[in-house]
Amino acid sequence: MSSADPGAHRRRQINLLGALGCGAMMAFALYAQYVLHLQPCNMCVLQRIAVSALGVVFLLAALQHPGVVGARLYALLIAVAATAGLALAGRHVWMSLQPLGSLPSCGADFYAMLDMLPPAEVAARIWNGGAECQIVAWRFLGLSMQAWVLVGVGLLGGAGVWANLTAGRRAR
């Protein structure tokens, strides 16, 4: 930690906490799948990928502990990963608020579609369809799991971008 960046230690802690937060979200997703027997829909799988990507960026930022320029690059990468997660979770929340049966089915599960179709077409089908994505099988404090992903990714991404963008600013 240099005197040029007094917040470097705080930034590293926030990046580490972001990685741990994403890890906790993934641990709960696996708990819900294997202990509560809630099978993830296709949108859930894409959200897991986005949360994992966000967690990897946070972990790399914490491990590398970059200077000011590197921290700003990590802020951009965190923003990109968080935006993807927010878009997916937001779309999933929107899908779950539509009347049941109003959306067409995606067809097959995520991995079967990847075997049959190019990745871009798989993503488009999942984004546009998803009758199975409308089902809300779990709630906590009135919010569905996809709504909690929206909250979690928003808070973690916002904290990560803030911490890494403020790199190099002198404490007052």
C-alpha atoms as a PDB file:
ATOM      1  CA  MET A   1       0.000   0.000   0.000  1.00  0.00           C
ATOM      2  CA  SER A   2       1.496   3.275  -1.075  1.00  0.00           C
ATOM      3  CA  SER A   3       0.898   6.740   0.278  1.00  0.00           C
ATOM      4  CA  ALA A   4      -0.425   7.674  -3.167  1.00  0.00           C
ATOM      5  CA  ASP A   5      -3.421   5.399  -2.629  1.00  0.00           C
ATOM      6  CA  PRO A   6      -4.595   5.532   1.003  1.00  0.00           C
ATOM      7  CA  GLY A   7      -7.756   3.549   0.207  1.00  0.00           C
ATOM      8  CA  ALA A   8      -5.934   0.563  -1.287  1.00  0.00           C
ATOM      9  CA  HIS A   9      -6.476  -1.619   1.768  1.00  0.00           C
ATOM     10  CA  ARG A  10     -10.191  -0.722   1.898  1.00  0.00           C
ATOM     11  CA  ARG A  11     -10.514  -1.410  -1.840  1.00  0.00           C
ATOM     12  CA  ARG A  12      -8.898  -4.820  -1.455  1.00  0.00           C
ATOM     13  CA  GLN A  13     -11.276  -5.656   1.409  1.00  0.00           C
ATOM     14  CA  ILE A  14     -14.319  -4.608  -0.622  1.00  0.00           C
ATOM     15  CA  ASN A  15     -13.136  -6.682  -3.596  1.00  0.00           C
ATOM     16  CA  LEU A  16     -12.636  -9.683  -1.318  1.00  0.00           C
ATOM     17  CA  LEU A  17     -16.056  -9.170   0.274  1.00  0.00           C
ATOM     18  CA  GLY A  18     -17.555  -8.913  -3.231  1.00  0.00           C
ATOM     19  CA  ALA A  19     -15.981 -12.239  -4.178  1.00  0.00           C
ATOM     20  CA  LEU A  20     -17.255 -13.799  -0.946  1.00  0.00           C
ATOM     21  CA  GLY A  21     -20.717 -12.351  -1.550  1.00  0.00           C
ATOM     22  CA  CYS A  22     -20.850 -13.867  -5.030  1.00  0.00           C
ATOM     23  CA  GLY A  23     -19.590 -17.146  -3.590  1.00  0.00           C
ATOM     24  CA  ALA A  24     -22.358 -17.067  -0.984  1.00  0.00           C
ATOM     25  CA  MET A  25     -24.948 -16.436  -3.704  1.00  0.00           C
ATOM     26  CA  MET A  26     -23.644 -19.411  -5.681  1.00  0.00           C
ATOM     27  CA  ALA A  27     -23.521 -21.594  -2.552  1.00  0.00           C
ATOM     28  CA  PHE A  28     -27.178 -20.796  -1.872  1.00  0.00           C
ATOM     29  CA  ALA A  29     -28.094 -21.537  -5.492  1.00  0.00           C
ATOM     30  CA  LEU A  30     -26.470 -24.966  -5.179  1.00  0.00           C
ATOM     31  CA  TYR A  31     -28.135 -25.515  -1.791  1.00  0.00           C
ATOM     32  CA  ALA A  32     -31.509 -24.664  -3.324  1.00  0.00           C
ATOM     33  CA  GLN A  33     -30.854 -27.064  -6.186  1.00  0.00           C
ATOM     34  CA  TYR A  34     -29.441 -30.047  -4.312  1.00  0.00           C
ATOM     35  CA  VAL A  35     -31.003 -29.761  -0.845  1.00  0.00           C
ATOM     36  CA  LEU A  36     -34.307 -27.987  -1.515  1.00  0.00           C
ATOM     37  CA  HIS A  37     -34.617 -29.780  -4.901  1.00  0.00           C
ATOM     38  CA  LEU A  38     -35.451 -26.598  -6.833  1.00  0.00           C
ATOM     39  CA  GLN A  39     -34.256 -27.209 -10.372  1.00  0.00           C
ATOM     40  CA  PRO A  40     -32.862 -24.071 -12.040  1.00  0.00           C
ATOM     41  CA  CYS A  41     -34.568 -22.823 -15.163  1.00  0.00           C
ATOM     42  CA  ASN A  42     -32.571 -21.551 -18.124  1.00  0.00           C
ATOM     43  CA  MET A  43     -32.578 -17.942 -16.893  1.00  0.00           C
ATOM     44  CA  CYS A  44     -31.305 -19.170 -13.527  1.00  0.00           C
ATOM     45  CA  VAL A  45     -28.375 -20.879 -15.242  1.00  0.00           C
ATOM     46  CA  LEU A  46     -27.480 -17.663 -17.095  1.00  0.00           C
ATOM     47  CA  GLN A  47     -27.723 -15.692 -13.841  1.00  0.00           C
ATOM     48  CA  ARG A  48     -25.387 -18.195 -12.191  1.00  0.00           C
ATOM     49  CA  ILE A  49     -22.876 -17.608 -14.972  1.00  0.00           C
ATOM     50  CA  ALA A  50     -23.124 -13.825 -14.511  1.00  0.00           C
ATOM     51  CA  VAL A  51     -22.767 -14.031 -10.712  1.00  0.00           C
ATOM     52  CA  SER A  52     -19.787 -16.370 -11.105  1.00  0.00           C
ATOM     53  CA  ALA A  53     -18.149 -14.011 -13.597  1.00  0.00           C
ATOM     54  CA  LEU A  54     -18.676 -11.101 -11.189  1.00  0.00           C
ATOM     55  CA  GLY A  55     -17.154 -13.147  -8.379  1.00  0.00           C
ATOM     56  CA  VAL A  56     -14.107 -14.029 -10.496  1.00  0.00           C
ATOM     57  CA  VAL A  57     -13.522 -10.348 -11.346  1.00  0.00           C
ATOM     58  CA  PHE A  58     -13.788  -9.415  -7.664  1.00  0.00           C
ATOM     59  CA  LEU A  59     -11.388 -12.205  -6.700  1.00  0.00           C
ATOM     60  CA  LEU A  60      -8.842 -11.215  -9.344  1.00  0.00           C
ATOM     61  CA  ALA A  61      -9.029  -7.586  -8.225  1.00  0.00           C
ATOM     62  CA  ALA A  62      -8.471  -8.601  -4.595  1.00  0.00           C
ATOM     63  CA  LEU A  63      -5.599 -10.955  -5.419  1.00  0.00           C
ATOM     64  CA  GLN A  64      -3.852  -8.652  -7.874  1.00  0.00           C
ATOM     65  CA  HIS A  65      -4.326  -5.570  -5.700  1.00  0.00           C
ATOM     66  CA  PRO A  66      -3.693  -3.197  -8.633  1.00  0.00           C
ATOM     67  CA  GLY A  67      -2.729   0.444  -8.640  1.00  0.00           C
ATOM     68  CA  VAL A  68      -5.030   3.271  -9.654  1.00  0.00           C
ATOM     69  CA  VAL A  69      -5.190   2.461 -13.383  1.00  0.00           C
ATOM     70  CA  GLY A  70      -5.711  -1.254 -12.747  1.00  0.00           C
ATOM     71  CA  ALA A  71      -8.401  -0.517 -10.173  1.00  0.00           C
ATOM     72  CA  ARG A  72     -10.291   1.574 -12.713  1.00  0.00           C
ATOM     73  CA  LEU A  73     -10.043  -1.271 -15.220  1.00  0.00           C
ATOM     74  CA  TYR A  74     -11.465  -3.616 -12.585  1.00  0.00           C
ATOM     75  CA  ALA A  75     -14.258  -1.101 -11.942  1.00  0.00           C
ATOM     76  CA  LEU A  76     -15.149  -1.360 -15.631  1.00  0.00           C
ATOM     77  CA  LEU A  77     -15.049  -5.181 -15.584  1.00  0.00           C
ATOM     78  CA  ILE A  78     -17.164  -5.265 -12.429  1.00  0.00           C
ATOM     79  CA  ALA A  79     -19.653  -2.886 -14.076  1.00  0.00           C
ATOM     80  CA  VAL A  80     -19.881  -5.102 -17.170  1.00  0.00           C
ATOM     81  CA  ALA A  81     -20.393  -8.315 -15.162  1.00  0.00           C
ATOM     82  CA  ALA A  82     -22.877  -6.652 -12.797  1.00  0.00           C
ATOM     83  CA  THR A  83     -24.809  -5.119 -15.698  1.00  0.00           C
ATOM     84  CA  ALA A  84     -25.129  -8.553 -17.304  1.00  0.00           C
ATOM     85  CA  GLY A  85     -26.360  -9.988 -14.008  1.00  0.00           C
ATOM     86  CA  LEU A  86     -28.793  -7.115 -13.486  1.00  0.00           C
ATOM     87  CA  ALA A  87     -30.170  -7.454 -17.020  1.00  0.00           C
ATOM     88  CA  LEU A  88     -30.684 -11.203 -16.637  1.00  0.00           C
ATOM     89  CA  ALA A  89     -32.197 -10.996 -13.159  1.00  0.00           C
ATOM     90  CA  GLY A  90     -34.368  -8.037 -14.156  1.00  0.00           C
ATOM     91  CA  ARG A  91     -35.666  -9.897 -17.198  1.00  0.00           C
ATOM     92  CA  HIS A  92     -36.312 -12.951 -15.029  1.00  0.00           C
ATOM     93  CA  VAL A  93     -38.281 -10.873 -12.523  1.00  0.00           C
ATOM     94  CA  TRP A  94     -40.280  -9.425 -15.428  1.00  0.00           C
ATOM     95  CA  MET A  95     -40.967 -12.940 -16.757  1.00  0.00           C
ATOM     96  CA  SER A  96     -42.191 -14.093 -13.352  1.00  0.00           C
ATOM     97  CA  LEU A  97     -44.635 -11.169 -13.179  1.00  0.00           C
ATOM     98  CA  GLN A  98     -46.322 -12.106 -16.481  1.00  0.00           C
ATOM     99  CA  PRO A  99     -49.497 -14.225 -16.408  1.00  0.00           C
ATOM    100  CA  LEU A 100     -48.657 -17.933 -16.321  1.00  0.00           C
ATOM    101  CA  GLY A 101     -48.614 -19.428 -19.791  1.00  0.00           C
ATOM    102  CA  SER A 102     -48.252 -16.085 -21.559  1.00  0.00           C
ATOM    103  CA  LEU A 103     -44.627 -16.760 -22.560  1.00  0.00           C
ATOM    104  CA  PRO A 104     -43.573 -19.498 -24.985  1.00  0.00           C
ATOM    105  CA  SER A 105     -41.354 -22.287 -23.737  1.00  0.00           C
ATOM    106  CA  CYS A 106     -37.600 -22.162 -24.375  1.00  0.00           C
ATOM    107  CA  GLY A 107     -37.832 -25.728 -25.626  1.00  0.00           C
ATOM    108  CA  ALA A 108     -35.098 -27.695 -23.902  1.00  0.00           C
ATOM    109  CA  ASP A 109     -32.898 -27.171 -20.913  1.00  0.00           C
ATOM    110  CA  PHE A 110     -29.805 -24.973 -21.134  1.00  0.00           C
ATOM    111  CA  TYR A 111     -27.217 -27.705 -21.683  1.00  0.00           C
ATOM    112  CA  ALA A 112     -29.314 -29.605 -24.246  1.00  0.00           C
ATOM    113  CA  MET A 113     -29.811 -26.381 -26.220  1.00  0.00           C
ATOM    114  CA  LEU A 114     -26.052 -25.719 -26.139  1.00  0.00           C
ATOM    115  CA  ASP A 115     -25.513 -29.141 -27.715  1.00  0.00           C
ATOM    116  CA  MET A 116     -27.992 -28.357 -30.509  1.00  0.00           C
ATOM    117  CA  LEU A 117     -27.675 -24.625 -31.184  1.00  0.00           C
ATOM    118  CA  PRO A 118     -25.035 -21.889 -31.396  1.00  0.00           C
ATOM    119  CA  PRO A 119     -24.574 -19.999 -28.090  1.00  0.00           C
ATOM    120  CA  ALA A 120     -26.033 -16.757 -29.482  1.00  0.00           C
ATOM    121  CA  GLU A 121     -29.263 -18.530 -30.471  1.00  0.00           C
ATOM    122  CA  VAL A 122     -29.446 -20.258 -27.075  1.00  0.00           C
ATOM    123  CA  ALA A 123     -29.165 -16.880 -25.325  1.00  0.00           C
ATOM    124  CA  ALA A 124     -31.807 -15.348 -27.619  1.00  0.00           C
ATOM    125  CA  ARG A 125     -34.252 -18.202 -27.007  1.00  0.00           C
ATOM    126  CA  ILE A 126     -33.805 -17.980 -23.254  1.00  0.00           C
ATOM    127  CA  TRP A 127     -34.141 -14.183 -23.285  1.00  0.00           C
ATOM    128  CA  ASN A 128     -37.326 -14.240 -25.385  1.00  0.00           C
ATOM    129  CA  GLY A 129     -39.074 -17.289 -23.998  1.00  0.00           C
ATOM    130  CA  GLY A 130     -39.352 -19.118 -20.794  1.00  0.00           C
ATOM    131  CA  ALA A 131     -42.690 -20.391 -19.567  1.00  0.00           C
ATOM    132  CA  GLU A 132     -40.722 -22.452 -17.039  1.00  0.00           C
ATOM    133  CA  CYS A 133     -38.980 -19.238 -15.960  1.00  0.00           C
ATOM    134  CA  GLN A 134     -42.328 -17.783 -14.831  1.00  0.00           C
ATOM    135  CA  ILE A 135     -42.671 -20.206 -11.944  1.00  0.00           C
ATOM    136  CA  VAL A 136     -41.685 -18.793  -8.554  1.00  0.00           C
ATOM    137  CA  ALA A 137     -41.035 -21.788  -6.298  1.00  0.00           C
ATOM    138  CA  TRP A 138     -39.204 -19.978  -3.478  1.00  0.00           C
ATOM    139  CA  ARG A 139     -39.613 -16.677  -1.671  1.00  0.00           C
ATOM    140  CA  PHE A 140     -37.883 -14.985   1.241  1.00  0.00           C
ATOM    141  CA  LEU A 141     -39.320 -11.823   2.793  1.00  0.00           C
ATOM    142  CA  GLY A 142     -41.761 -11.681  -0.097  1.00  0.00           C
ATOM    143  CA  LEU A 143     -39.079 -11.622  -2.818  1.00  0.00           C
ATOM    144  CA  SER A 144     -38.384 -14.391  -5.303  1.00  0.00           C
ATOM    145  CA  MET A 145     -34.915 -15.827  -5.782  1.00  0.00           C
ATOM    146  CA  GLN A 146     -34.449 -13.864  -9.018  1.00  0.00           C
ATOM    147  CA  ALA A 147     -35.389 -10.660  -7.191  1.00  0.00           C
ATOM    148  CA  TRP A 148     -32.751 -11.435  -4.548  1.00  0.00           C
ATOM    149  CA  VAL A 149     -30.203 -11.963  -7.321  1.00  0.00           C
ATOM    150  CA  LEU A 150     -31.165  -8.534  -8.675  1.00  0.00           C
ATOM    151  CA  VAL A 151     -30.650  -6.970  -5.229  1.00  0.00           C
ATOM    152  CA  GLY A 152     -27.431  -8.856  -4.511  1.00  0.00           C
ATOM    153  CA  VAL A 153     -25.775  -8.173  -7.856  1.00  0.00           C
ATOM    154  CA  GLY A 154     -26.856  -4.531  -7.722  1.00  0.00           C
ATOM    155  CA  LEU A 155     -25.403  -3.978  -4.253  1.00  0.00           C
ATOM    156  CA  LEU A 156     -22.200  -5.936  -4.865  1.00  0.00           C
ATOM    157  CA  GLY A 157     -21.626  -4.410  -8.292  1.00  0.00           C
ATOM    158  CA  GLY A 158     -22.305  -0.890  -7.042  1.00  0.00           C
ATOM    159  CA  ALA A 159     -19.930  -1.307  -4.099  1.00  0.00           C
ATOM    160  CA  GLY A 160     -17.240  -2.787  -6.343  1.00  0.00           C
ATOM    161  CA  VAL A 161     -17.463  -0.042  -8.939  1.00  0.00           C
ATOM    162  CA  TRP A 162     -17.448   2.655  -6.238  1.00  0.00           C
ATOM    163  CA  ALA A 163     -14.474   1.154  -4.389  1.00  0.00           C
ATOM    164  CA  ASN A 164     -12.399   0.696  -7.530  1.00  0.00           C
ATOM    165  CA  LEU A 165     -13.298   4.037  -9.127  1.00  0.00           C
ATOM    166  CA  THR A 166     -12.345   5.975  -6.028  1.00  0.00           C
ATOM    167  CA  ALA A 167      -8.856   4.470  -6.149  1.00  0.00           C
ATOM    168  CA  GLY A 168      -6.141   7.059  -5.769  1.00  0.00           C
ATOM    169  CA  ARG A 169      -8.305   9.767  -4.241  1.00  0.00           C
ATOM    170  CA  ARG A 170      -6.890  11.190  -1.076  1.00  0.00           C
ATOM    171  CA  ALA A 171      -8.886  10.713   2.107  1.00  0.00           C
ATOM    172  CA  ARG A 172     -10.123  13.977   3.587  1.00  0.00           C
END
